[in-house]
Amino acid sequence: MARGGPLVPRRLRVVAAFVAAAALAHVLTACGDEPVTPTRETALPPLPTVTTTIAVTTTVAPVFYVVAEGDNLGAIAQKFGITVADLMAANAIADPNRIEVGQQLVVPPPPAPPTSATG
């Protein structure tokens, strides 16, 4: 075997290791002394602005009315500010002339007042 033959691969490995170490040192130096992970002192980027609109809703408890002597659907509807048709629909009444004393009626909420645009 020639004297330089087996040493060449070892020399290449040593040179490659030095080159790799020098490259790593260069990369680490270029990164500076900044911490790799955030700390309490690390400034955080600002958060995006979020606008939330909450719809206002109202839960209306059902209103009941017990039919008294002399009542009719027209008078009951007028008392609660609703139509006879709404009162009939809420109670599945087919004939407005057929209600009985003591019968419990569900009274739907009155229609919302109209809103007017000002401006």
PDB file of N, CA and C in Angstrom:
ATOM      1  N   MET A   1       0.833  -1.177   0.000  1.00  0.00           N
ATOM      2  CA  MET A   1       0.000   0.000   0.000  1.00  0.00           C
ATOM      3  C   MET A   1       0.874   1.235   0.000  1.00  0.00           C
ATOM      4  N   ALA A   2       0.365   2.216  -0.681  1.00  0.00           N
ATOM      5  CA  ALA A   2       1.113   3.452  -0.721  1.00  0.00           C
ATOM      6  C   ALA A   2       0.943   4.173   0.590  1.00  0.00           C
ATOM      7  N   ARG A   3       1.968   4.933   0.907  1.00  0.00           N
ATOM      8  CA  ARG A   3       1.974   5.591   2.198  1.00  0.00           C
ATOM      9  C   ARG A   3       0.815   6.562   2.371  1.00  0.00           C
ATOM     10  N   GLY A   4       0.375   7.323   1.399  1.00  0.00           N
ATOM     11  CA  GLY A   4      -0.701   8.303   1.528  1.00  0.00           C
ATOM     12  C   GLY A   4      -2.059   7.712   1.284  1.00  0.00           C
ATOM     13  N   GLY A   5      -2.160   6.476   0.787  1.00  0.00           N
ATOM     14  CA  GLY A   5      -3.434   5.867   0.409  1.00  0.00           C
ATOM     15  C   GLY A   5      -4.456   5.804   1.520  1.00  0.00           C
ATOM     16  N   PRO A   6      -4.170   5.097   2.616  1.00  0.00           N
ATOM     17  CA  PRO A   6      -5.208   4.975   3.652  1.00  0.00           C
ATOM     18  C   PRO A   6      -5.434   6.265   4.427  1.00  0.00           C
ATOM     19  N   LEU A   7      -4.518   7.177   4.400  1.00  0.00           N
ATOM     20  CA  LEU A   7      -4.675   8.412   5.156  1.00  0.00           C
ATOM     21  C   LEU A   7      -5.583   9.419   4.457  1.00  0.00           C
ATOM     22  N   VAL A   8      -5.771   9.325   3.173  1.00  0.00           N
ATOM     23  CA  VAL A   8      -6.577  10.295   2.429  1.00  0.00           C
ATOM     24  C   VAL A   8      -8.020  10.294   2.923  1.00  0.00           C
ATOM     25  N   PRO A   9      -8.675   9.194   3.032  1.00  0.00           N
ATOM     26  CA  PRO A   9     -10.058   9.253   3.519  1.00  0.00           C
ATOM     27  C   PRO A   9     -10.136   9.841   4.929  1.00  0.00           C
ATOM     28  N   ARG A  10      -9.144   9.517   5.767  1.00  0.00           N
ATOM     29  CA  ARG A  10      -9.182  10.067   7.121  1.00  0.00           C
ATOM     30  C   ARG A  10      -8.969  11.565   7.080  1.00  0.00           C
ATOM     31  N   ARG A  11      -8.066  12.032   6.262  1.00  0.00           N
ATOM     32  CA  ARG A  11      -7.826  13.462   6.127  1.00  0.00           C
ATOM     33  C   ARG A  11      -9.069  14.177   5.604  1.00  0.00           C
ATOM     34  N   LEU A  12      -9.759  13.564   4.639  1.00  0.00           N
ATOM     35  CA  LEU A  12     -10.985  14.165   4.121  1.00  0.00           C
ATOM     36  C   LEU A  12     -12.051  14.274   5.213  1.00  0.00           C
ATOM     37  N   ARG A  13     -12.127  13.257   6.033  1.00  0.00           N
ATOM     38  CA  ARG A  13     -13.096  13.306   7.133  1.00  0.00           C
ATOM     39  C   ARG A  13     -12.758  14.401   8.112  1.00  0.00           C
ATOM     40  N   VAL A  14     -11.501  14.582   8.413  1.00  0.00           N
ATOM     41  CA  VAL A  14     -11.071  15.632   9.336  1.00  0.00           C
ATOM     42  C   VAL A  14     -11.343  16.997   8.740  1.00  0.00           C
ATOM     43  N   VAL A  15     -11.019  17.180   7.470  1.00  0.00           N
ATOM     44  CA  VAL A  15     -11.262  18.462   6.802  1.00  0.00           C
ATOM     45  C   VAL A  15     -12.764  18.735   6.762  1.00  0.00           C
ATOM     46  N   ALA A  16     -13.569  17.733   6.430  1.00  0.00           N
ATOM     47  CA  ALA A  16     -15.020  17.891   6.371  1.00  0.00           C
ATOM     48  C   ALA A  16     -15.564  18.259   7.746  1.00  0.00           C
ATOM     49  N   ALA A  17     -15.021  17.685   8.793  1.00  0.00           N
ATOM     50  CA  ALA A  17     -15.476  18.005  10.152  1.00  0.00           C
ATOM     51  C   ALA A  17     -15.140  19.445  10.492  1.00  0.00           C
ATOM     52  N   PHE A  18     -13.944  19.910  10.098  1.00  0.00           N
ATOM     53  CA  PHE A  18     -13.576  21.307  10.351  1.00  0.00           C
ATOM     54  C   PHE A  18     -14.474  22.268   9.577  1.00  0.00           C
ATOM     55  N   VAL A  19     -14.766  21.928   8.333  1.00  0.00           N
ATOM     56  CA  VAL A  19     -15.637  22.774   7.509  1.00  0.00           C
ATOM     57  C   VAL A  19     -17.033  22.823   8.127  1.00  0.00           C
ATOM     58  N   ALA A  20     -17.541  21.691   8.561  1.00  0.00           N
ATOM     59  CA  ALA A  20     -18.867  21.647   9.178  1.00  0.00           C
ATOM     60  C   ALA A  20     -18.890  22.449  10.468  1.00  0.00           C
ATOM     61  N   ALA A  21     -17.832  22.331  11.276  1.00  0.00           N
ATOM     62  CA  ALA A  21     -17.769  23.085  12.526  1.00  0.00           C
ATOM     63  C   ALA A  21     -17.693  24.580  12.249  1.00  0.00           C
ATOM     64  N   ALA A  22     -16.947  24.966  11.236  1.00  0.00           N
ATOM     65  CA  ALA A  22     -16.826  26.386  10.894  1.00  0.00           C
ATOM     66  C   ALA A  22     -18.167  26.917  10.391  1.00  0.00           C
ATOM     67  N   ALA A  23     -18.869  26.116   9.591  1.00  0.00           N
ATOM     68  CA  ALA A  23     -20.188  26.539   9.088  1.00  0.00           C
ATOM     69  C   ALA A  23     -21.178  26.675  10.239  1.00  0.00           C
ATOM     70  N   LEU A  24     -21.163  25.757  11.170  1.00  0.00           N
ATOM     71  CA  LEU A  24     -22.055  25.824  12.329  1.00  0.00           C
ATOM     72  C   LEU A  24     -21.734  27.036  13.185  1.00  0.00           C
ATOM     73  N   ALA A  25     -20.475  27.310  13.383  1.00  0.00           N
ATOM     74  CA  ALA A  25     -20.074  28.482  14.161  1.00  0.00           C
ATOM     75  C   ALA A  25     -20.541  29.759  13.465  1.00  0.00           C
ATOM     76  N   HIS A  26     -20.441  29.805  12.147  1.00  0.00           N
ATOM     77  CA  HIS A  26     -20.890  30.970  11.389  1.00  0.00           C
ATOM     78  C   HIS A  26     -22.400  31.163  11.543  1.00  0.00           C
ATOM     79  N   VAL A  27     -23.150  30.080  11.443  1.00  0.00           N
ATOM     80  CA  VAL A  27     -24.615  30.158  11.576  1.00  0.00           C
ATOM     81  C   VAL A  27     -24.982  30.615  12.984  1.00  0.00           C
ATOM     82  N   LEU A  28     -24.372  30.066  13.993  1.00  0.00           N
ATOM     83  CA  LEU A  28     -24.684  30.442  15.367  1.00  0.00           C
ATOM     84  C   LEU A  28     -24.313  31.896  15.642  1.00  0.00           C
ATOM     85  N   THR A  29     -23.211  32.371  15.059  1.00  0.00           N
ATOM     86  CA  THR A  29     -22.810  33.754  15.241  1.00  0.00           C
ATOM     87  C   THR A  29     -23.780  34.687  14.537  1.00  0.00           C
ATOM     88  N   ALA A  30     -24.272  34.296  13.373  1.00  0.00           N
ATOM     89  CA  ALA A  30     -25.214  35.121  12.617  1.00  0.00           C
ATOM     90  C   ALA A  30     -26.549  35.248  13.345  1.00  0.00           C
ATOM     91  N   CYS A  31     -26.898  34.254  14.133  1.00  0.00           N
ATOM     92  CA  CYS A  31     -28.172  34.289  14.863  1.00  0.00           C
ATOM     93  C   CYS A  31     -28.136  35.285  16.008  1.00  0.00           C
ATOM     94  N   GLY A  32     -26.989  35.648  16.463  1.00  0.00           N
ATOM     95  CA  GLY A  32     -26.881  36.612  17.553  1.00  0.00           C
ATOM     96  C   GLY A  32     -27.148  35.960  18.896  1.00  0.00           C
ATOM     97  N   ASP A  33     -27.349  36.823  19.899  1.00  0.00           N
ATOM     98  CA  ASP A  33     -27.552  36.325  21.252  1.00  0.00           C
ATOM     99  C   ASP A  33     -29.033  36.266  21.630  1.00  0.00           C
ATOM    100  N   GLU A  34     -29.929  36.398  20.661  1.00  0.00           N
ATOM    101  CA  GLU A  34     -31.365  36.365  20.946  1.00  0.00           C
ATOM    102  C   GLU A  34     -31.762  34.987  21.472  1.00  0.00           C
ATOM    103  N   PRO A  35     -32.689  34.936  22.424  1.00  0.00           N
ATOM    104  CA  PRO A  35     -33.147  33.626  22.897  1.00  0.00           C
ATOM    105  C   PRO A  35     -33.941  32.921  21.807  1.00  0.00           C
ATOM    106  N   VAL A  36     -33.853  31.619  21.793  1.00  0.00           N
ATOM    107  CA  VAL A  36     -34.547  30.827  20.794  1.00  0.00           C
ATOM    108  C   VAL A  36     -36.028  30.714  21.145  1.00  0.00           C
ATOM    109  N   THR A  37     -36.342  30.606  22.426  1.00  0.00           N
ATOM    110  CA  THR A  37     -37.738  30.499  22.845  1.00  0.00           C
ATOM    111  C   THR A  37     -38.171  31.802  23.494  1.00  0.00           C
ATOM    112  N   PRO A  38     -39.459  32.191  23.354  1.00  0.00           N
ATOM    113  CA  PRO A  38     -39.923  33.442  23.957  1.00  0.00           C
ATOM    114  C   PRO A  38     -39.805  33.410  25.477  1.00  0.00           C
ATOM    115  N   THR A  39     -39.534  34.557  26.029  1.00  0.00           N
ATOM    116  CA  THR A  39     -39.501  34.702  27.478  1.00  0.00           C
ATOM    117  C   THR A  39     -40.473  35.792  27.857  1.00  0.00           C
ATOM    118  N   ARG A  40     -40.576  36.112  29.134  1.00  0.00           N
ATOM    119  CA  ARG A  40     -41.472  37.177  29.580  1.00  0.00           C
ATOM    120  C   ARG A  40     -41.059  38.536  29.016  1.00  0.00           C
ATOM    121  N   GLU A  41     -39.799  38.677  28.687  1.00  0.00           N
ATOM    122  CA  GLU A  41     -39.303  39.940  28.162  1.00  0.00           C
ATOM    123  C   GLU A  41     -39.437  40.042  26.646  1.00  0.00           C
ATOM    124  N   THR A  42     -39.737  38.931  25.969  1.00  0.00           N
ATOM    125  CA  THR A  42     -39.866  38.938  24.521  1.00  0.00           C
ATOM    126  C   THR A  42     -41.148  39.667  24.132  1.00  0.00           C
ATOM    127  N   ALA A  43     -41.031  40.620  23.223  1.00  0.00           N
ATOM    128  CA  ALA A  43     -42.212  41.362  22.768  1.00  0.00           C
ATOM    129  C   ALA A  43     -43.051  40.469  21.874  1.00  0.00           C
ATOM    130  N   LEU A  44     -44.352  40.479  22.108  1.00  0.00           N
ATOM    131  CA  LEU A  44     -45.261  39.686  21.300  1.00  0.00           C
ATOM    132  C   LEU A  44     -45.847  40.556  20.196  1.00  0.00           C
ATOM    133  N   PRO A  45     -46.182  39.954  19.077  1.00  0.00           N
ATOM    134  CA  PRO A  45     -46.793  40.745  18.006  1.00  0.00           C
ATOM    135  C   PRO A  45     -48.199  41.168  18.435  1.00  0.00           C
ATOM    136  N   PRO A  46     -48.698  42.281  17.907  1.00  0.00           N
ATOM    137  CA  PRO A  46     -50.036  42.720  18.295  1.00  0.00           C
ATOM    138  C   PRO A  46     -51.088  41.747  17.792  1.00  0.00           C
ATOM    139  N   LEU A  47     -52.160  41.611  18.569  1.00  0.00           N
ATOM    140  CA  LEU A  47     -53.255  40.730  18.185  1.00  0.00           C
ATOM    141  C   LEU A  47     -54.154  41.440  17.182  1.00  0.00           C
ATOM    142  N   PRO A  48     -54.796  40.684  16.295  1.00  0.00           N
ATOM    143  CA  PRO A  48     -55.708  41.316  15.344  1.00  0.00           C
ATOM    144  C   PRO A  48     -56.938  41.849  16.076  1.00  0.00           C
ATOM    145  N   THR A  49     -57.522  42.906  15.534  1.00  0.00           N
ATOM    146  CA  THR A  49     -58.723  43.482  16.120  1.00  0.00           C
ATOM    147  C   THR A  49     -59.926  42.656  15.689  1.00  0.00           C
ATOM    148  N   VAL A  50     -60.758  42.293  16.655  1.00  0.00           N
ATOM    149  CA  VAL A  50     -61.947  41.506  16.375  1.00  0.00           C
ATOM    150  C   VAL A  50     -63.161  42.302  16.812  1.00  0.00           C
ATOM    151  N   THR A  51     -64.137  42.418  15.928  1.00  0.00           N
ATOM    152  CA  THR A  51     -65.378  43.108  16.259  1.00  0.00           C
ATOM    153  C   THR A  51     -66.481  42.063  16.385  1.00  0.00           C
ATOM    154  N   THR A  52     -67.166  42.088  17.500  1.00  0.00           N
ATOM    155  CA  THR A  52     -68.245  41.138  17.732  1.00  0.00           C
ATOM    156  C   THR A  52     -69.550  41.892  17.895  1.00  0.00           C
ATOM    157  N   THR A  53     -70.568  41.436  17.191  1.00  0.00           N
ATOM    158  CA  THR A  53     -71.894  42.020  17.324  1.00  0.00           C
ATOM    159  C   THR A  53     -72.792  40.987  17.990  1.00  0.00           C
ATOM    160  N   ILE A  54     -73.404  41.392  19.078  1.00  0.00           N
ATOM    161  CA  ILE A  54     -74.282  40.487  19.805  1.00  0.00           C
ATOM    162  C   ILE A  54     -75.718  40.893  19.519  1.00  0.00           C
ATOM    163  N   ALA A  55     -76.484  39.937  19.040  1.00  0.00           N
ATOM    164  CA  ALA A  55     -77.889  40.204  18.766  1.00  0.00           C
ATOM    165  C   ALA A  55     -78.661  40.173  20.080  1.00  0.00           C
ATOM    166  N   VAL A  56     -79.469  41.180  20.293  1.00  0.00           N
ATOM    167  CA  VAL A  56     -80.272  41.241  21.502  1.00  0.00           C
ATOM    168  C   VAL A  56     -81.567  40.485  21.246  1.00  0.00           C
ATOM    169  N   THR A  57     -81.822  39.498  22.074  1.00  0.00           N
ATOM    170  CA  THR A  57     -83.053  38.736  21.952  1.00  0.00           C
ATOM    171  C   THR A  57     -83.796  38.783  23.273  1.00  0.00           C
ATOM    172  N   THR A  58     -85.070  38.586  23.197  1.00  0.00           N
ATOM    173  CA  THR A  58     -85.889  38.592  24.396  1.00  0.00           C
ATOM    174  C   THR A  58     -86.669  37.284  24.441  1.00  0.00           C
ATOM    175  N   THR A  59     -86.649  36.661  25.579  1.00  0.00           N
ATOM    176  CA  THR A  59     -87.448  35.467  25.756  1.00  0.00           C
ATOM    177  C   THR A  59     -88.772  35.887  26.391  1.00  0.00           C
ATOM    178  N   VAL A  60     -89.841  35.563  25.701  1.00  0.00           N
ATOM    179  CA  VAL A  60     -91.156  35.937  26.190  1.00  0.00           C
ATOM    180  C   VAL A  60     -91.807  34.690  26.763  1.00  0.00           C
ATOM    181  N   ALA A  61     -92.174  34.759  28.049  1.00  0.00           N
ATOM    182  CA  ALA A  61     -92.868  33.639  28.679  1.00  0.00           C
ATOM    183  C   ALA A  61     -94.283  33.579  28.118  1.00  0.00           C
ATOM    184  N   PRO A  62     -94.808  32.380  27.903  1.00  0.00           N
ATOM    185  CA  PRO A  62     -96.159  32.282  27.362  1.00  0.00           C
ATOM    186  C   PRO A  62     -97.176  32.873  28.336  1.00  0.00           C
ATOM    187  N   VAL A  63     -98.170  33.524  27.748  1.00  0.00           N
ATOM    188  CA  VAL A  63     -99.255  34.100  28.538  1.00  0.00           C
ATOM    189  C   VAL A  63    -100.482  33.226  28.321  1.00  0.00           C
ATOM    190  N   PHE A  64    -101.160  32.918  29.409  1.00  0.00           N
ATOM    191  CA  PHE A  64    -102.372  32.104  29.329  1.00  0.00           C
ATOM    192  C   PHE A  64    -103.554  32.934  29.791  1.00  0.00           C
ATOM    193  N   TYR A  65    -104.717  32.627  29.229  1.00  0.00           N
ATOM    194  CA  TYR A  65    -105.950  33.299  29.626  1.00  0.00           C
ATOM    195  C   TYR A  65    -107.023  32.235  29.773  1.00  0.00           C
ATOM    196  N   VAL A  66    -107.748  32.299  30.887  1.00  0.00           N
ATOM    197  CA  VAL A  66    -108.844  31.360  31.121  1.00  0.00           C
ATOM    198  C   VAL A  66    -110.145  32.059  30.736  1.00  0.00           C
ATOM    199  N   VAL A  67    -110.894  31.415  29.834  1.00  0.00           N
ATOM    200  CA  VAL A  67    -112.132  31.986  29.317  1.00  0.00           C
ATOM    201  C   VAL A  67    -113.163  32.099  30.444  1.00  0.00           C
ATOM    202  N   ALA A  68    -113.735  33.302  30.540  1.00  0.00           N
ATOM    203  CA  ALA A  68    -114.764  33.555  31.559  1.00  0.00           C
ATOM    204  C   ALA A  68    -116.135  33.652  30.877  1.00  0.00           C
ATOM    205  N   GLU A  69    -117.188  33.632  31.682  1.00  0.00           N
ATOM    206  CA  GLU A  69    -118.553  33.773  31.186  1.00  0.00           C
ATOM    207  C   GLU A  69    -118.669  35.077  30.405  1.00  0.00           C
ATOM    208  N   GLY A  70    -119.213  35.022  29.197  1.00  0.00           N
ATOM    209  CA  GLY A  70    -119.427  36.203  28.382  1.00  0.00           C
ATOM    210  C   GLY A  70    -118.246  36.563  27.494  1.00  0.00           C
ATOM    211  N   ASP A  71    -117.135  35.864  27.611  1.00  0.00           N
ATOM    212  CA  ASP A  71    -115.973  36.154  26.756  1.00  0.00           C
ATOM    213  C   ASP A  71    -116.206  35.674  25.329  1.00  0.00           C
ATOM    214  N   ASN A  72    -115.564  36.334  24.396  1.00  0.00           N
ATOM    215  CA  ASN A  72    -115.485  35.865  23.015  1.00  0.00           C
ATOM    216  C   ASN A  72    -114.077  36.160  22.513  1.00  0.00           C
ATOM    217  N   LEU A  73    -113.692  35.512  21.422  1.00  0.00           N
ATOM    218  CA  LEU A  73    -112.324  35.655  20.936  1.00  0.00           C
ATOM    219  C   LEU A  73    -111.991  37.089  20.534  1.00  0.00           C
ATOM    220  N   GLY A  74    -112.967  37.806  20.008  1.00  0.00           N
ATOM    221  CA  GLY A  74    -112.718  39.190  19.607  1.00  0.00           C
ATOM    222  C   GLY A  74    -112.345  40.059  20.799  1.00  0.00           C
ATOM    223  N   ALA A  75    -113.074  39.929  21.904  1.00  0.00           N
ATOM    224  CA  ALA A  75    -112.804  40.724  23.098  1.00  0.00           C
ATOM    225  C   ALA A  75    -111.459  40.328  23.724  1.00  0.00           C
ATOM    226  N   ILE A  76    -111.193  39.021  23.732  1.00  0.00           N
ATOM    227  CA  ILE A  76    -109.922  38.549  24.318  1.00  0.00           C
ATOM    228  C   ILE A  76    -108.749  39.061  23.472  1.00  0.00           C
ATOM    229  N   ALA A  77    -108.871  38.951  22.161  1.00  0.00           N
ATOM    230  CA  ALA A  77    -107.805  39.411  21.268  1.00  0.00           C
ATOM    231  C   ALA A  77    -107.574  40.907  21.434  1.00  0.00           C
ATOM    232  N   GLN A  78    -108.643  41.676  21.529  1.00  0.00           N
ATOM    233  CA  GLN A  78    -108.519  43.126  21.697  1.00  0.00           C
ATOM    234  C   GLN A  78    -107.847  43.462  23.030  1.00  0.00           C
ATOM    235  N   LYS A  79    -108.182  42.699  24.061  1.00  0.00           N
ATOM    236  CA  LYS A  79    -107.597  42.934  25.395  1.00  0.00           C
ATOM    237  C   LYS A  79    -106.074  42.782  25.371  1.00  0.00           C
ATOM    238  N   PHE A  80    -105.574  41.851  24.554  1.00  0.00           N
ATOM    239  CA  PHE A  80    -104.132  41.588  24.505  1.00  0.00           C
ATOM    240  C   PHE A  80    -103.439  42.230  23.304  1.00  0.00           C
ATOM    241  N   GLY A  81    -104.154  42.978  22.486  1.00  0.00           N
ATOM    242  CA  GLY A  81    -103.546  43.678  21.358  1.00  0.00           C
ATOM    243  C   GLY A  81    -103.121  42.770  20.230  1.00  0.00           C
ATOM    244  N   ILE A  82    -103.864  41.682  20.016  1.00  0.00           N
ATOM    245  CA  ILE A  82    -103.551  40.748  18.946  1.00  0.00           C
ATOM    246  C   ILE A  82    -104.783  40.569  18.073  1.00  0.00           C
ATOM    247  N   THR A  83    -104.627  39.850  16.993  1.00  0.00           N
ATOM    248  CA  THR A  83    -105.769  39.594  16.118  1.00  0.00           C
ATOM    249  C   THR A  83    -106.462  38.299  16.530  1.00  0.00           C
ATOM    250  N   VAL A  84    -107.734  38.190  16.132  1.00  0.00           N
ATOM    251  CA  VAL A  84    -108.481  36.953  16.391  1.00  0.00           C
ATOM    252  C   VAL A  84    -107.802  35.797  15.668  1.00  0.00           C
ATOM    253  N   ALA A  85    -107.320  36.047  14.454  1.00  0.00           N
ATOM    254  CA  ALA A  85    -106.639  34.995  13.691  1.00  0.00           C
ATOM    255  C   ALA A  85    -105.405  34.481  14.431  1.00  0.00           C
ATOM    256  N   ASP A  86    -104.619  35.373  15.044  1.00  0.00           N
ATOM    257  CA  ASP A  86    -103.434  34.952  15.812  1.00  0.00           C
ATOM    258  C   ASP A  86    -103.844  34.117  17.016  1.00  0.00           C
ATOM    259  N   LEU A  87    -104.916  34.536  17.704  1.00  0.00           N
ATOM    260  CA  LEU A  87    -105.402  33.800  18.875  1.00  0.00           C
ATOM    261  C   LEU A  87    -105.912  32.422  18.460  1.00  0.00           C
ATOM    262  N   MET A  88    -106.605  32.348  17.340  1.00  0.00           N
ATOM    263  CA  MET A  88    -107.107  31.056  16.840  1.00  0.00           C
ATOM    264  C   MET A  88    -105.942  30.144  16.449  1.00  0.00           C
ATOM    265  N   ALA A  89    -104.941  30.702  15.764  1.00  0.00           N
ATOM    266  CA  ALA A  89    -103.801  29.892  15.323  1.00  0.00           C
ATOM    267  C   ALA A  89    -103.014  29.352  16.504  1.00  0.00           C
ATOM    268  N   ALA A  90    -102.830  30.174  17.535  1.00  0.00           N
ATOM    269  CA  ALA A  90    -102.045  29.744  18.701  1.00  0.00           C
ATOM    270  C   ALA A  90    -102.737  28.644  19.485  1.00  0.00           C
ATOM    271  N   ASN A  91    -104.058  28.530  19.334  1.00  0.00           N
ATOM    272  CA  ASN A  91    -104.816  27.547  20.114  1.00  0.00           C
ATOM    273  C   ASN A  91    -105.489  26.489  19.247  1.00  0.00           C
ATOM    274  N   ALA A  92    -105.167  26.463  17.961  1.00  0.00           N
ATOM    275  CA  ALA A  92    -105.745  25.490  17.018  1.00  0.00           C
ATOM    276  C   ALA A  92    -107.270  25.487  17.102  1.00  0.00           C
ATOM    277  N   ILE A  93    -107.853  26.676  17.100  1.00  0.00           N
ATOM    278  CA  ILE A  93    -109.306  26.815  17.148  1.00  0.00           C
ATOM    279  C   ILE A  93    -109.801  26.970  15.716  1.00  0.00           C
ATOM    280  N   ALA A  94    -110.738  26.095  15.309  1.00  0.00           N
ATOM    281  CA  ALA A  94    -111.273  26.150  13.953  1.00  0.00           C
ATOM    282  C   ALA A  94    -112.488  27.075  13.878  1.00  0.00           C
ATOM    283  N   ASP A  95    -113.313  27.080  14.911  1.00  0.00           N
ATOM    284  CA  ASP A  95    -114.539  27.889  14.921  1.00  0.00           C
ATOM    285  C   ASP A  95    -114.423  28.933  16.035  1.00  0.00           C
ATOM    286  N   PRO A  96    -114.348  30.227  15.704  1.00  0.00           N
ATOM    287  CA  PRO A  96    -114.179  31.254  16.736  1.00  0.00           C
ATOM    288  C   PRO A  96    -115.376  31.381  17.666  1.00  0.00           C
ATOM    289  N   ASN A  97    -116.497  30.800  17.303  1.00  0.00           N
ATOM    290  CA  ASN A  97    -117.691  30.864  18.148  1.00  0.00           C
ATOM    291  C   ASN A  97    -117.761  29.699  19.131  1.00  0.00           C
ATOM    292  N   ARG A  98    -116.779  28.800  19.109  1.00  0.00           N
ATOM    293  CA  ARG A  98    -116.826  27.619  19.970  1.00  0.00           C
ATOM    294  C   ARG A  98    -115.692  27.635  20.987  1.00  0.00           C
ATOM    295  N   ILE A  99    -115.806  28.484  21.976  1.00  0.00           N
ATOM    296  CA  ILE A  99    -114.905  28.447  23.128  1.00  0.00           C
ATOM    297  C   ILE A  99    -115.765  28.228  24.355  1.00  0.00           C
ATOM    298  N   GLU A 100    -115.165  27.649  25.391  1.00  0.00           N
ATOM    299  CA  GLU A 100    -115.931  27.278  26.578  1.00  0.00           C
ATOM    300  C   GLU A 100    -115.392  27.994  27.810  1.00  0.00           C
ATOM    301  N   VAL A 101    -116.290  28.254  28.764  1.00  0.00           N
ATOM    302  CA  VAL A 101    -115.902  28.842  30.043  1.00  0.00           C
ATOM    303  C   VAL A 101    -114.926  27.878  30.718  1.00  0.00           C
ATOM    304  N   GLY A 102    -113.805  28.407  31.223  1.00  0.00           N
ATOM    305  CA  GLY A 102    -112.784  27.588  31.894  1.00  0.00           C
ATOM    306  C   GLY A 102    -111.700  27.092  30.941  1.00  0.00           C
ATOM    307  N   GLN A 103    -111.916  27.268  29.644  1.00  0.00           N
ATOM    308  CA  GLN A 103    -110.919  26.842  28.663  1.00  0.00           C
ATOM    309  C   GLN A 103    -109.687  27.738  28.786  1.00  0.00           C
ATOM    310  N   GLN A 104    -108.500  27.130  28.803  1.00  0.00           N
ATOM    311  CA  GLN A 104    -107.253  27.893  28.904  1.00  0.00           C
ATOM    312  C   GLN A 104    -106.723  28.164  27.501  1.00  0.00           C
ATOM    313  N   LEU A 105    -106.501  29.426  27.200  1.00  0.00           N
ATOM    314  CA  LEU A 105    -105.985  29.826  25.898  1.00  0.00           C
ATOM    315  C   LEU A 105    -104.547  30.314  26.023  1.00  0.00           C
ATOM    316  N   VAL A 106    -103.748  29.989  25.022  1.00  0.00           N
ATOM    317  CA  VAL A 106    -102.398  30.530  24.920  1.00  0.00           C
ATOM    318  C   VAL A 106    -102.528  31.857  24.178  1.00  0.00           C
ATOM    319  N   VAL A 107    -101.982  32.914  24.764  1.00  0.00           N
ATOM    320  CA  VAL A 107    -102.036  34.232  24.137  1.00  0.00           C
ATOM    321  C   VAL A 107    -100.665  34.521  23.539  1.00  0.00           C
ATOM    322  N   PRO A 108    -100.597  34.604  22.186  1.00  0.00           N
ATOM    323  CA  PRO A 108     -99.297  34.907  21.564  1.00  0.00           C
ATOM    324  C   PRO A 108     -98.892  36.336  21.841  1.00  0.00           C
ATOM    325  N   PRO A 109     -97.600  36.637  21.759  1.00  0.00           N
ATOM    326  CA  PRO A 109     -97.164  38.016  21.991  1.00  0.00           C
ATOM    327  C   PRO A 109     -97.690  38.935  20.903  1.00  0.00           C
ATOM    328  N   PRO A 110     -97.964  40.185  21.258  1.00  0.00           N
ATOM    329  CA  PRO A 110     -98.438  41.135  20.233  1.00  0.00           C
ATOM    330  C   PRO A 110     -97.325  41.423  19.241  1.00  0.00           C
ATOM    331  N   PRO A 111     -97.697  41.852  18.043  1.00  0.00           N
ATOM    332  CA  PRO A 111     -96.651  42.166  17.055  1.00  0.00           C
ATOM    333  C   PRO A 111     -95.787  43.325  17.528  1.00  0.00           C
ATOM    334  N   ALA A 112     -94.537  43.293  17.126  1.00  0.00           N
ATOM    335  CA  ALA A 112     -93.603  44.362  17.502  1.00  0.00           C
ATOM    336  C   ALA A 112     -94.039  45.661  16.838  1.00  0.00           C
ATOM    337  N   PRO A 113     -93.920  46.778  17.550  1.00  0.00           N
ATOM    338  CA  PRO A 113     -94.294  48.050  16.922  1.00  0.00           C
ATOM    339  C   PRO A 113     -93.346  48.343  15.763  1.00  0.00           C
ATOM    340  N   PRO A 114     -93.850  48.992  14.735  1.00  0.00           N
ATOM    341  CA  PRO A 114     -92.972  49.297  13.591  1.00  0.00           C
ATOM    342  C   PRO A 114     -91.891  50.279  13.993  1.00  0.00           C
ATOM    343  N   THR A 115     -90.704  50.040  13.451  1.00  0.00           N
ATOM    344  CA  THR A 115     -89.595  50.958  13.725  1.00  0.00           C
ATOM    345  C   THR A 115     -89.512  51.960  12.601  1.00  0.00           C
ATOM    346  N   SER A 116     -89.262  53.187  12.945  1.00  0.00           N
ATOM    347  CA  SER A 116     -89.149  54.220  11.914  1.00  0.00           C
ATOM    348  C   SER A 116     -87.698  54.637  11.796  1.00  0.00           C
ATOM    349  N   ALA A 117     -87.286  54.875  10.584  1.00  0.00           N
ATOM    350  CA  ALA A 117     -85.916  55.335  10.339  1.00  0.00           C
ATOM    351  C   ALA A 117     -85.876  56.839  10.507  1.00  0.00           C
ATOM    352  N   THR A 118     -84.975  57.296  11.347  1.00  0.00           N
ATOM    353  CA  THR A 118     -84.836  58.737  11.547  1.00  0.00           C
ATOM    354  C   THR A 118     -83.568  59.200  10.854  1.00  0.00           C
ATOM    355  N   GLY A 119     -83.611  60.406  10.354  1.00  0.00           N
ATOM    356  CA  GLY A 119     -82.362  60.859   9.769  1.00  0.00           C
ATOM    357  C   GLY A 119     -82.544  61.831   8.735  1.00  0.00           C
TER     358      GLY A 119
END
